[in-house]
Structures are given as C-alpha cells and as structure tokens.
Protein backbone atom coordinates (compact mmCIF):
# COMPACT_ATOMS: atom_id res chain seq x y z
CA MET A 1 39.01 105.95 113.41
CA ALA A 2 41.91 106.39 116.52
CA GLN A 3 38.78 107.54 118.55
CA THR A 4 36.51 104.81 118.36
CA LEU A 5 39.56 102.07 118.25
CA ARG A 6 39.31 100.99 121.85
CA GLY A 7 35.48 100.45 121.46
CA GLY A 8 35.55 98.48 118.40
CA LEU A 9 38.98 97.55 116.55
CA LEU A 10 37.80 94.81 114.29
CA ASP A 11 34.48 96.97 113.30
CA ASP A 12 36.26 99.76 112.59
CA LEU A 13 38.54 97.77 110.43
CA ALA A 14 35.16 96.41 108.59
CA ARG A 15 34.47 100.41 108.00
CA VAL A 16 37.94 100.90 106.53
CA ARG A 17 37.33 97.93 104.34
CA GLU A 18 34.13 98.94 103.45
CA LEU A 19 35.50 102.64 102.36
CA ALA A 20 38.09 100.92 100.41
CA THR A 21 35.71 98.42 98.04
CA ARG A 22 32.61 100.89 98.02
CA PRO A 23 31.00 100.93 94.99
CA ALA A 24 31.68 104.13 92.69
CA LYS A 25 30.85 105.06 89.59
CA THR A 26 33.66 107.52 88.72
CA ALA A 27 37.74 106.63 89.38
CA ALA A 28 37.86 110.32 91.22
CA GLU A 29 35.08 109.03 94.11
CA ILE A 30 37.24 105.76 94.24
CA ALA A 31 40.36 107.05 94.87
CA ARG A 32 39.01 109.56 97.43
CA ASN A 33 37.19 106.69 99.08
CA ILE A 34 40.47 104.52 98.75
CA GLU A 35 42.86 107.60 99.77
CA ALA A 36 40.50 107.88 103.08
CA ALA A 37 40.79 104.46 104.10
CA SER A 38 44.69 104.28 103.91
CA GLY A 39 44.12 107.69 106.45
CA GLN A 40 42.18 105.97 109.01
CA ILE A 41 44.74 103.00 108.72
CA ARG A 42 47.66 105.93 108.84
CA LEU A 43 45.91 107.58 111.99
CA ALA A 44 45.21 104.03 113.84
CA THR A 45 48.76 102.70 114.03
CA PRO A 46 49.19 100.87 117.75
CA HIS A 47 51.19 103.22 119.32
CA ASP A 48 48.38 106.13 118.98
CA TYR A 49 45.90 103.90 121.69
CA GLU A 50 46.96 101.59 124.49
CA ALA A 51 48.82 98.23 123.59
CA GLY A 52 47.29 96.20 126.42
CA HIS A 53 43.76 97.18 124.67
CA VAL A 54 45.03 95.60 121.16
CA GLN A 55 47.03 92.52 122.09
CA GLY A 56 43.94 90.18 122.81
CA ALA A 57 42.60 91.40 119.05
CA ILE A 58 46.06 91.34 117.22
CA PRO A 59 45.81 88.00 115.40
CA ALA A 60 42.01 88.84 114.14
CA LEU A 61 43.66 92.42 113.38
CA MET A 62 46.48 91.11 111.16
CA GLN A 63 44.18 88.49 109.37
CA GLY A 64 41.72 91.77 108.37
CA LEU A 65 44.46 94.19 107.46
CA PHE A 66 45.23 90.81 105.02
CA ASP A 67 41.45 90.58 103.80
CA LEU A 68 41.34 94.25 103.20
CA ARG A 69 44.37 93.64 100.75
CA LEU A 70 42.68 90.93 99.07
CA ALA A 71 39.24 92.45 98.99
CA VAL A 72 40.90 95.80 97.03
CA ARG A 73 42.71 93.91 94.82
CA ALA A 74 39.42 91.64 94.06
CA ALA A 75 38.24 95.13 92.87
CA LEU A 76 40.84 95.92 90.37
CA ALA A 77 39.65 93.73 87.70
CA GLY A 78 36.23 95.36 87.82
CA TRP A 79 37.49 98.73 88.14
CA LYS A 80 39.62 98.14 84.95
CA SER A 81 37.32 96.84 82.82
CA GLN A 82 35.21 100.19 83.53
CA GLY A 83 38.43 102.16 82.48
CA LEU A 84 38.37 103.86 86.11
CA LEU A 85 41.75 102.40 87.24
CA THR A 86 43.49 105.54 85.82
CA PRO A 87 46.59 106.70 87.60
CA ASP A 88 44.91 108.35 90.67
CA VAL A 89 43.36 105.13 91.19
CA GLN A 90 46.74 103.46 90.92
CA ALA A 91 48.40 105.20 93.36
CA ALA A 92 45.68 105.11 95.65
CA VAL A 93 45.85 101.24 95.74
CA ARG A 94 49.67 101.47 95.69
CA ASP A 95 49.08 103.37 98.81
CA LEU A 96 46.68 101.74 101.01
CA MET A 97 48.51 98.39 100.04
CA ARG A 98 51.68 99.79 101.79
CA MET A 99 49.68 101.24 104.77
CA ALA A 100 48.34 97.75 105.41
CA ARG A 101 51.57 96.34 105.51
CA TYR A 102 52.65 98.73 107.84
CA GLY A 103 49.98 98.29 109.83
CA CYS A 104 50.43 94.56 110.03
CA ASP A 105 54.28 95.33 110.89
CA TYR A 106 53.56 97.35 114.08
CA LEU A 107 51.05 94.57 115.03
CA GLY A 108 53.30 91.98 114.42
CA GLU A 109 56.04 93.84 116.43
CA MET A 110 53.79 94.07 119.45
CA SER A 111 53.05 90.16 119.35
CA ILE A 112 56.52 89.85 119.91
CA GLY A 113 57.05 92.47 122.18
CA ASN A 114 59.21 94.90 120.09
CA ARG A 115 62.35 92.26 119.66
CA ARG A 116 64.30 92.98 117.36
CA LEU A 117 67.27 91.07 115.46
CA GLY A 118 70.09 90.52 117.85
CA HIS A 119 73.84 90.90 116.83
CA GLY A 120 74.54 88.55 113.89
CA GLU A 121 70.99 87.25 113.35
CA THR A 122 69.98 87.42 109.90
CA PRO A 123 65.76 87.35 109.14
CA GLY A 124 64.02 84.48 107.71
CA PRO A 125 63.94 82.13 105.92
CA ALA A 126 60.62 83.64 104.29
CA PHE A 127 57.67 81.72 104.78
CA THR A 128 58.45 80.24 108.01
CA GLY A 129 58.27 80.84 111.68
CA HIS A 130 54.89 81.23 114.03
CA PRO A 131 51.70 81.71 112.60
CA LEU A 132 50.89 85.38 112.64
CA GLN A 133 54.51 85.92 109.99
CA THR A 134 52.57 84.36 106.95
CA PHE A 135 48.85 85.17 105.96
CA ARG A 136 47.35 83.51 103.34
CA ASN A 137 44.56 83.62 100.43
CA PRO A 138 42.27 80.68 101.93
CA ALA A 139 40.86 80.23 98.70
CA LEU A 140 44.21 79.66 96.95
CA ASN A 141 46.29 77.97 99.76
CA PRO A 142 43.77 76.76 102.63
CA GLY A 143 46.89 74.58 104.33
CA GLU A 144 49.55 76.33 106.42
CA ALA A 145 52.04 74.75 104.33
CA ILE A 146 52.88 76.72 100.86
CA ALA A 147 51.99 74.75 97.88
CA TRP A 148 54.01 76.20 95.42
CA ARG A 149 53.20 75.66 91.79
CA SER A 150 56.01 75.87 88.80
CA GLY A 151 55.72 79.67 87.58
CA ASP A 152 55.07 81.65 91.08
CA VAL A 153 56.15 85.13 91.18
CA ILE A 154 57.69 86.05 94.60
CA MET A 155 58.40 89.22 95.57
CA MET A 156 60.75 90.17 98.26
CA ARG A 157 62.68 92.39 100.05
CA GLY A 158 66.19 92.33 101.38
CA SER A 159 67.85 94.17 104.41
CA HIS A 160 70.41 96.36 102.72
CA HIS A 161 70.25 100.11 101.86
CA ASN A 162 70.25 99.65 98.42
CA SER A 163 67.13 98.02 98.68
CA ALA A 164 65.51 100.44 100.39
CA ALA A 165 66.26 102.84 97.36
CA ILE A 166 65.31 100.34 94.88
CA ALA A 167 61.93 100.38 96.75
CA ARG A 168 61.48 103.95 97.34
CA ILE A 169 63.02 105.54 94.27
CA GLY A 170 59.54 105.22 92.18
CA ASP A 171 56.88 107.73 91.52
CA VAL A 172 54.61 105.38 94.66
CA ASP A 173 56.68 104.49 97.55
CA SER A 174 56.99 100.61 97.78
CA GLN A 175 57.99 97.95 100.45
CA PHE A 176 59.98 95.50 98.16
CA SER A 177 62.81 95.51 95.95
CA HIS A 178 63.27 91.86 94.00
CA LEU A 179 61.26 90.04 91.97
CA ALA A 180 61.87 86.11 91.00
CA VAL A 181 60.11 83.40 89.61
CA LEU A 182 59.78 79.66 90.85
CA TYR A 183 60.31 76.61 88.27
CA ILE A 184 59.38 73.38 89.31
CA ASP A 185 61.61 70.72 87.43
CA PRO A 186 59.80 67.13 86.85
CA THR A 187 61.68 65.75 89.92
CA GLY A 188 60.51 68.28 91.92
CA GLY A 189 62.98 70.31 92.02
CA GLN A 190 62.10 73.68 93.13
CA HIS A 191 64.47 76.36 91.63
CA ILE A 192 63.99 80.41 91.63
CA VAL A 193 65.18 82.36 88.19
CA GLU A 194 66.34 86.13 89.14
CA SER A 195 68.07 88.57 88.16
CA LEU A 196 71.03 89.63 91.11
CA ILE A 197 73.38 93.03 90.72
CA GLU A 198 76.03 90.80 91.13
CA GLU A 199 75.77 87.76 89.38
CA GLY A 200 73.21 88.96 86.52
CA ALA A 201 70.67 86.21 85.30
CA ILE A 202 70.92 83.10 87.86
CA ILE A 203 69.44 79.81 89.16
CA ASN A 204 69.19 79.22 92.49
CA PRO A 205 67.80 76.45 94.57
CA LEU A 206 64.36 77.97 96.76
CA SER A 207 65.52 77.67 99.87
CA HIS A 208 68.54 79.63 98.90
CA SER A 209 66.36 82.50 98.10
CA LEU A 210 63.94 82.62 100.59
CA GLY A 211 66.95 82.11 103.26
CA HIS A 212 69.20 84.92 101.93
CA GLY A 213 68.54 87.74 104.43
CA VAL A 214 64.83 88.09 103.29
CA ALA A 215 62.77 90.43 105.96
CA ARG A 216 59.58 90.65 103.39
CA ALA A 217 57.78 88.48 100.83
CA ALA A 218 54.74 88.29 98.83
CA LEU A 219 53.88 85.24 96.59
CA TYR A 220 51.65 86.10 93.56
CA ARG A 221 50.45 83.17 91.02
CA HIS A 222 49.10 83.71 87.65
CA LYS A 223 45.57 82.74 87.11
CA ASP A 224 46.62 80.54 84.02
CA GLU A 225 48.52 78.12 85.24
CA ARG A 226 49.72 76.09 82.25
CA LEU A 227 50.81 79.51 81.17
CA ALA A 228 52.77 80.38 84.33
CA ALA A 229 54.43 76.82 84.03
CA GLU A 230 55.67 77.73 80.75
CA ALA A 231 56.81 80.88 81.49
CA ALA A 232 58.96 79.25 84.10
CA ARG A 233 60.06 76.51 82.27
CA LEU A 234 61.49 78.63 79.51
CA MET A 235 62.90 81.11 81.76
CA HIS A 236 64.74 78.44 83.78
CA GLU A 237 65.83 76.93 79.98
CA HIS A 238 67.08 80.13 79.04
CA VAL A 239 68.96 80.99 81.73
CA ARG A 240 70.12 77.80 82.07
CA ARG A 241 71.99 77.72 78.80
CA SER A 242 73.27 80.88 79.46
CA ARG A 243 75.33 80.13 82.56
CA GLU A 244 76.62 76.64 80.76
CA PRO A 245 80.07 76.88 79.49
CA GLY A 246 80.17 78.23 76.11
CA GLY A 247 76.83 80.28 77.18
CA LYS A 248 76.83 84.08 77.47
CA ARG A 249 75.90 85.80 80.85
CA ILE A 250 73.06 87.40 80.81
CA LEU A 251 74.29 90.42 82.61
CA TYR A 252 72.45 92.88 85.32
CA ASP A 253 70.56 95.75 83.65
CA PHE A 254 71.36 98.89 85.35
CA THR A 255 69.42 100.80 82.56
CA MET A 256 66.20 99.70 84.08
CA ARG A 257 64.77 99.71 80.54
CA LEU A 258 61.55 97.56 79.28
CA PRO A 259 62.70 96.75 75.66
CA GLY A 260 65.28 94.44 74.79
CA TYR A 261 66.33 91.04 77.15
CA ARG A 262 70.56 91.32 76.47
CA GLN A 263 70.38 92.06 79.68
CA LEU A 264 68.07 91.80 82.48
CA PHE A 265 67.23 93.61 85.88
CA CYS A 266 65.14 91.48 88.25
CA ALA A 267 61.39 91.94 87.25
CA LYS A 268 62.49 92.00 83.85
CA VAL A 269 63.30 88.09 84.52
CA ILE A 270 59.53 88.22 84.74
CA ARG A 271 58.63 90.47 82.04
CA GLN A 272 60.37 88.12 79.48
CA ALA A 273 59.07 84.94 80.97
CA PHE A 274 55.43 86.04 80.17
CA ASP A 275 56.72 87.38 77.09
CA LEU A 276 58.17 84.30 75.64
CA ALA A 277 55.26 81.39 77.47
CA SER A 278 51.92 84.03 75.36
CA ALA A 279 54.16 84.80 72.25
CA GLY A 280 54.37 88.24 73.02
CA LYS A 281 50.61 88.64 74.24
CA ILE A 282 51.88 89.38 77.44
CA MET A 283 53.95 92.30 78.32
CA LEU A 284 54.44 93.38 81.94
CA PRO A 285 54.00 95.36 84.18
CA THR A 286 50.36 97.28 82.88
CA TYR A 287 50.92 99.76 84.96
CA PRO A 288 54.84 100.64 85.35
CA THR A 289 56.77 102.60 88.06
CA ARG A 290 58.00 105.73 86.76
CA PHE A 291 61.20 108.04 87.59
CA GLN A 292 60.02 111.87 88.74
CA LEU A 293 62.59 112.85 90.85
CA LYS A 294 63.71 116.53 89.55
CA ASN A 295 67.31 116.07 90.61
CA ARG A 296 68.15 113.12 88.56
CA ASP A 297 71.83 113.00 89.42
CA PHE A 298 71.37 109.91 91.63
CA LEU A 299 69.58 108.25 88.92
CA LYS A 300 72.39 108.72 86.24
CA ARG A 301 74.84 108.00 88.66
CA ILE A 302 73.27 104.37 89.46
CA GLY A 303 73.22 104.02 85.51
CA VAL A 304 69.15 104.31 85.23
CA LYS A 305 68.32 105.36 81.60
CA THR A 306 64.51 105.26 81.08
CA ASN A 307 61.68 107.41 82.94
CA GLU A 308 59.33 104.41 83.30
CA THR A 309 60.44 100.76 84.51
CA PHE A 310 59.00 97.38 85.85
CA ALA A 311 59.40 97.89 89.59
CA PRO A 312 59.04 94.98 91.81
CA ALA A 313 55.68 96.04 93.70
CA ASP A 314 53.80 96.85 90.14
CA ILE A 315 52.97 93.18 90.35
CA ASP A 316 50.15 94.45 93.34
CA LEU A 317 48.14 95.98 90.76
CA GLU A 318 48.17 92.89 87.70
CA THR A 319 44.69 91.89 87.50
CA ASP A 320 45.84 88.14 86.24
CA PHE A 321 47.79 87.55 89.30
CA ASP A 322 46.63 86.72 92.46
CA LEU A 323 47.90 87.08 95.83
CA VAL A 324 48.25 83.98 97.85
CA ALA A 325 50.31 84.33 100.73
CA GLU A 326 52.52 87.06 102.81
CA TRP A 327 55.23 86.75 105.04
CA GLN A 328 57.39 89.26 107.09
CA ASP A 329 59.55 89.07 110.10
CA TYR A 330 58.91 91.23 112.62
CA ARG A 331 62.38 90.91 114.23
CA ALA A 332 63.12 92.85 111.04
CA THR A 333 60.14 95.17 109.98
CA ALA A 334 61.22 98.15 111.76
CA ARG A 335 64.69 98.32 110.43
CA LEU A 336 62.94 97.88 107.07
CA ARG A 337 60.71 101.02 107.98
CA THR A 338 63.13 103.17 109.57
CA GLN A 339 64.81 102.77 105.87
CA ASP A 340 62.32 103.28 103.88
CA LEU A 341 61.96 106.60 105.93
CA ILE A 342 65.24 107.29 105.64
CA MET A 343 65.50 106.97 101.69
CA ASP A 344 62.11 109.14 101.68
CA LYS A 345 63.76 112.09 103.29
CA LEU A 346 67.05 111.56 101.10
CA PHE A 347 65.40 111.71 97.83
CA GLU A 348 63.32 114.64 99.16
CA TRP A 349 66.56 116.44 99.67
CA MET A 350 67.64 115.66 96.38
CA ASP A 351 64.82 116.96 94.95
CA GLU A 352 64.01 120.11 97.41
CA HIS A 353 67.65 120.97 98.50
CA GLY A 354 69.61 120.00 95.60
CA TYR A 355 71.62 117.70 97.46
CA THR A 356 74.12 115.46 95.25
CA PHE A 357 76.85 112.85 95.84
CA LYS A 358 80.10 113.75 96.64
CA GLU A 359 82.72 111.49 96.41
CA ASP A 360 86.39 111.55 98.36
CA PHE A 361 89.57 109.55 98.38
CA ILE A 362 87.98 106.84 100.27
CA ILE A 363 85.35 106.47 98.02
CA HIS A 364 87.11 106.98 94.71
CA LEU A 365 89.50 104.09 96.48
CA ILE A 366 86.27 101.41 96.90
CA SER A 367 85.40 102.28 93.44
CA PHE A 368 88.48 101.43 92.20
CA LEU A 369 89.08 98.47 94.12
CA GLY A 370 85.69 97.33 93.17
CA ARG A 371 86.36 97.66 89.17
CA ILE A 372 89.36 95.28 89.70
CA ALA A 373 88.04 93.06 92.28
CA GLY A 374 87.90 90.27 89.61
CA GLN A 375 91.68 90.21 89.46
CA MET A 376 91.95 91.27 93.56
CA SER A 377 93.50 88.79 96.33
CA ASP A 378 90.48 87.97 98.70
CA ARG A 379 92.41 90.29 101.82
CA ALA A 380 92.06 92.92 99.23
CA LYS A 381 88.30 91.92 98.61
CA SER A 382 87.44 91.92 102.36
CA LEU A 383 88.19 95.57 101.76
CA ILE A 384 85.31 96.68 100.32
CA ALA A 385 82.77 93.65 100.71
CA ASP A 386 80.79 95.61 103.28
CA VAL A 387 79.51 98.15 100.27
CA VAL A 388 80.22 96.34 97.29
CA PRO A 389 80.58 92.53 98.03
CA LYS A 390 80.90 91.11 94.39
CA VAL A 391 81.40 93.18 91.56
CA PRO A 392 79.95 92.78 88.02
CA SER A 393 82.19 92.97 84.86
CA ASN A 394 79.59 96.17 83.68
CA MET A 395 78.80 97.80 86.89
CA ARG A 396 80.60 101.60 85.96
CA ARG A 397 82.95 102.75 88.66
CA ARG A 398 80.55 105.73 89.09
CA THR A 399 78.01 103.20 90.26
CA ILE A 400 80.09 101.71 92.47
CA ALA A 401 80.78 104.80 94.15
CA THR A 402 77.14 105.89 94.05
CA VAL A 403 76.32 102.26 95.96
CA ALA A 404 79.32 102.78 98.53
CA MET A 405 78.36 106.19 98.92
CA LEU A 406 74.57 105.48 99.75
CA HIS A 407 75.50 102.89 102.31
CA LYS A 408 77.99 105.17 104.08
CA THR A 409 75.13 107.75 104.35
CA ALA A 410 72.38 105.98 105.29
CA GLN A 411 74.34 103.63 108.17
CA PRO A 412 74.84 106.42 110.14
CA LEU A 413 71.24 107.55 110.07
CA LEU A 414 69.98 104.13 111.16
CA GLU A 415 72.10 103.87 113.88
CA LYS A 416 71.03 107.40 115.03
CA LEU A 417 67.67 106.41 114.80
CA GLU A 418 67.33 103.23 115.92
CA THR A 419 69.00 104.62 119.33
CA LEU A 420 66.23 107.37 119.48
CA GLU A 421 63.65 104.45 118.80
CA ALA A 422 65.30 101.99 121.66
CA GLU A 423 65.36 104.87 124.15
CA HIS A 424 61.68 105.34 123.09
CA LEU A 425 60.49 102.14 123.45
CA ALA A 426 62.18 101.85 126.82
CA ARG A 427 60.61 105.06 128.28
CA SER A 428 56.68 103.90 126.24
CA GLY A 429 56.80 100.61 124.77
CA ARG A 430 56.00 102.02 121.80
CA PRO A 431 58.17 102.47 118.68
CA LEU A 432 58.57 105.83 117.14
CA ASP A 433 56.32 106.64 114.39
CA GLY A 434 57.00 107.94 110.96
CA ARG A 435 56.31 111.69 111.78
CA ALA A 436 58.87 111.16 114.77
CA VAL A 437 61.41 109.63 112.63
CA TYR A 438 61.00 112.26 110.16
CA GLU A 439 61.39 115.10 112.16
CA ALA A 440 64.76 113.47 113.51
CA LEU A 441 65.87 112.96 109.93
CA GLU A 442 65.35 116.97 109.37
CA ALA A 443 66.77 118.13 112.73
CA ILE A 444 70.01 116.12 111.70
CA ARG A 445 69.55 117.94 108.58
CA ALA A 446 68.83 121.51 110.34
CA GLN A 447 72.73 120.60 112.01
CA SER A 448 74.55 119.57 109.11
CA ARG A 449 75.58 122.51 107.50
CA GLY A 450 74.78 121.26 104.14
CA ARG A 451 76.56 117.98 104.58
CA ILE A 452 75.03 114.73 105.37
CA GLY A 453 77.08 112.18 105.03
CA TYR A 454 78.36 112.19 101.35
CA LEU A 455 75.51 114.04 100.12
CA SER A 456 76.02 117.74 99.88
CA GLY A 457 73.53 120.71 99.62
CA LYS A 458 71.92 123.60 100.66
CA THR A 459 70.64 123.51 104.43
C-alpha cells in the first residue's frame, strides 16, 4: 500500500476496508484478512510519504478510517452468530481498531501542523472543537451536535501515565483507560455515573467529565434504548444513595475482579448497570481482557487479583452496542501515543528482562504521606499531589508507592522522547514513528546499567 499511496490514497483505503470485511468461511481466514488490513495501515502512516501529497485528502482519509471501524464492527454480529468470533479474530479486530485510530491521529496532527499542547494547556472538552476532531455514525447521529441519550456509554482516555498503563496492561493493547455511563434525568440534566480511583463510585455533570483532561473519547450506545435508559437510571439511583448522608460509599475496586459489586472499578459500573436492568441476562463483557504478564510483580503491587477483567476497550467487541461517535484532541494524541509506547516497553522489560520496581526513601515517604493524606494539612498534601492527588481509604501503601514509581519512571522517558520528536519535527516535518520510539527506548535501556527510573533488572 505504501508504494501506491501517491497514486490513489482513497482507493487504497477502500481496498483495505474490502480486505478487512471480506466474506470468509473460517475464523483463520477472517483473522488473516484483518491482520493484513492492519499491516497495510501500519505501513501507510503519513511519515512514509510526502505530506504535501496527503494534505488535501486528509478529511476524506480520516472519515474513511472511521468508516472502516464502523464496517468492521458491523461485521461482528455475523461472525459471532456463525461461531467465527474466536480469540484470534477478536485480537485482530482490536488491533485494527487501534491502528485505524492511530492513523486518524497522524492525519489529524498533520492537519493542525503538528501543534502540541502548550505549557498549562489541557485537552478537550471532548466532542468539541473543529469538525475533524469528531466523527459521527451518520445512521445514529446525522447532525453535527452529539444527540445524547440516557444510557450512553462513554469510553475515555486521560493524559496521565497510569491511564497509559491501564490501556496497555491487558493481553491486547488499547488506547482507552476509562468507561462511564450517562444518565439524563426527567428535567434534562446530564449526569455521568462512574468510578474513579480517588473517589470510588460517583456522579459528575457530563460537562465536568468531558472537560477533565480527556484527550480521546468514543461514544457507544446499546441497541435497546429502553434497556439502556433503565440501566443508567438504576445505576444513578444506586450511586446517589451511596453518596447521601448515612449511605455507604462504594470504593474503587483495585482487584479488577468481575464477580461482586461491593466495590467498583470504572467498567464494572457498566457491568452492574446492565446486569440490574436486564435482571442478570446481560453480563458484560462478552470477551474479557486477560492479564498475561509473566512477571506479575506489577499486577500484585497495584492490587490486581484476577486473570481476566472488563477493560474499557472491551466495549469495542460488544455486538449489542453501536459506535455513535469518536473524538480526539490532536494537540494531545502524539503524547498519548508516546505514553502508550513507553508502557509497551516497560511491560516488555518486566516480562523479558525481569525488571521490577524498587522503592527508595522518597517513595516510602510519598506512599506513607499518601496513606495519611486524610489527616494532612493542605501544604503537606501538596508534596504528593503530582502523583497521588487524592488517596482513597482502601488504597494500600504499596499501591501508592507503585503509582508514584510508575509516574517518576515514565515521566523522564516521556520528556526525553518528546525532545527527540521536537528535533525530528524541526528537521523533517514528521513525527517519530513507533519503530523510532522503540529504538530510542531500547538505547536508553542499553545505557541504563539495569536501572531505569525506579525499575531494576538485567541489561
């Protein structure tokens, strides 16, 4: 595909779509087709060809990549009914969704001249901005404005390093770290029901959630409008009562286990909502994410006590949900991508080279202060606010320490890579591709003498 891009960008993208959705009789054939389509997108990232040749086609190419995602999702139900939605096909679909989103990111970044967020700037709010930031399913949302419905499920990505870790820790990489459900009350008030690490289950205004550092978002909607509305109503009522005086707060579930609702992580809010509304007939996710790290030290440190869970991007495979719209802030997507690649390498080093986090006095101090944060003065709290802004009562000292070490390991790597990318952009007008980022990270590891931030292992 890369060899023919100059001659027919849109034609090549059409062929990719045909390949990804080509009728097949076996799951193996479907997986091969989708993997081949993903590979062609990967080879055709904008820095592989002249930017000037692409500029005029950017809007149509971005729309085409969104349409590709819609087309693949439309094929899921048929594959499922034929028993062809096997683990290999699931993995191939997840990879294709990810590569198509990255392709849109590269094009979107080109469309704004590779501008990045400035000092003090924050991304969002989600589903606002120029037309190329939001792509809509014309069958479900033909207008420019998002037509919200009660029961809508919003998949989001924050801009912190722990968000990148959540997105990449499963058996298949994703680009999302949070899931929430929208409840619209009888007066039209729009409320997000969600579970946050620092708050547990909570209700926030939709405007607050969409404007709170979100850099990427996707809107999903259940095909049964009444069921979805009831799911949102029941979950809103459940969480509202828990937050009232005399109610029992629902804390964040660090174990990531699917059974039980005493504590909730973000996607488990969606699981409980549709479980309640369907009287147990709908138990999400249909295709759970699995934790397959051989080195489970990190998982143990953050409190994970299961081998499979409901990760936000699992919603991409749910055939009873439609993809309504997607949005991204192209000033922030390059940083998200770099964070993703950093996490890929950190987890790879943990598995392949035995790297583990090693605490020092500063981390002991941060984690200790975090545990007693509720009794600390505002001045004392400011000492740990950059890595642990608010600590829930059930967050273990070891988990606080790990979040702090993750941040203090990843942030210097991010700063080095962003410096390299700025230099590369100045020279070539192109961002660093994934291979160049991986090579830079491996060069850092080779010179590290077995110590990268708070990670220690073999060189």
